[in-house]
Amino acid sequence: MKFSSSVAFLLAVSSTTSVFGFSPSSSSFVAKPSSVGRRNNNLLSMNYSVGIVGATGAVGKEIVGCLNKSSLDVSKLRIFGSKRSAGTSKDVGKFGSVEVELFDEDKARECDVIFLAVSGDFSLAHAKNIAAGDDGAVVIDNSSAFRYDEDVPLCVPEINAGDIKSSKLIANPNCTTAIGLMALYPLHKLFKLTKVIMSTYQAASGAGQEGMDELEAGTRQVLSGEREVADHKVFAHALPFNVIPHIDKFMENGYTKEEMKVTWETRKICNLADDFPVSCTAVRIPTYRAHSEVIVVETELPIDIDAARKALEEAPGVKLVDDLENEKYPMPLTATGQYDVEVGRLRRSEVFGDNGLELFVSGDQLLRGAALNAVLIAEAMDKAGSLKAKKATTA
């Protein structure tokens, strides 16, 4: 297999800069202010103690970054880790240098908010214990452990922040679902969706830091001539110069669990019927970061393209990128590191006719699909007055 010298040069250049540490832009909150992200002006100033479990992972690092830009008044940031990392120091931006504490449920309960950026098994073992009782912490869980529990809200704040109420345990949705719904929900409000068909193009970082590392190492193996096909452990097949239509395990109906997550979570977040038709095909592609999606919808009401564009332009957390004359449309390259989800390629569906719309979406799944969404949940609870500090000071 042969590759141009320019490709090899670009790869070499990428190694001199960080491909993992992006500085997300929060300009969307200035351009399109929404109820999410505004501080709750009470008589008491709520100075929150916030903890993160899993802060050294891909999502955990981004939670730290989002908290540095958040309106949430964090008086103390605590980092919990394993025996291996406990006792080490971590730079957490404006919060200074923090010593990593060995995870302990009682210590976590001392916080007002705990972000879990860990495995589902860890969350199942500890999340409810951390949140239990009036003196427990609010737990925002990034795993899939509680997403389908009827008693646990599954939240995208711009859509269903009202579902949180006084819940002590809140589930963060799957990254693919969160990105897609930022575009779908404004359209649903306007035209009433009746069917959703989605195909995804998901970056290596969807599998965490290990996925990005495997893509980089494998690409170097092939470009250097060391191997024709890269080694792989994280993914089912070699990802460099390949696409893999297989994310998560296959289920009895032939869909993967990743694909069914989109179906189940779309129904729950948007309060749709249990049999509302949502179909997804999820594909892993050899990019570092930002997932993309082709979405085709059928609607109850006829589609007005101009009205659809206007709704997306006005939707918080969405950036309309749909200028075909100047070749501007959503791409992982431009969505990476951005808080907003890019939406474009809006067109009448040739399948569903006047009641159909097709579009293309790109969003940073470590931000909108994970860390940012989690921090926005905490902000929404603060604004609604449902997030309480164990210690409050007079404003």
Foldseek 3Di string as FASTA:
>chain_A
DADDVVVVVVLVVCVVDDPQDFQFDPCLCVVFPDLFQDFADDQWDFAFEEEEEPLVWSLNVVLLNLVVVGPHRHPHYAYEYDPVQAQPWDQSPPRGIYGYHHDDLVVLQQGQEYEYPDELVVCVVRVCSQQPDPSHHQYEYAYPNCLLPPVEAEDQCLQPLVVCFQDSYHYYAFLVLLQVCLLVVLVCVVFNFQAKEKEKEFEQCSLIPVSLVQLSVQQCCCNVVVDVAGDDDSDPGGAHVDKAQDDADADPVRAHVVQVSNVSNVCRRNVHDPVRHYGYGYMYHHDHWKMKMKMKTFGPHFDDQVVSQVSQVNRRQADEFEDVVVPTFDDQVVQPSYSHKYKYPWDADPVNGRRMIIIMIIHTCSQSVGSVSSVSSVSSCSNVVSRHHPDIHRD
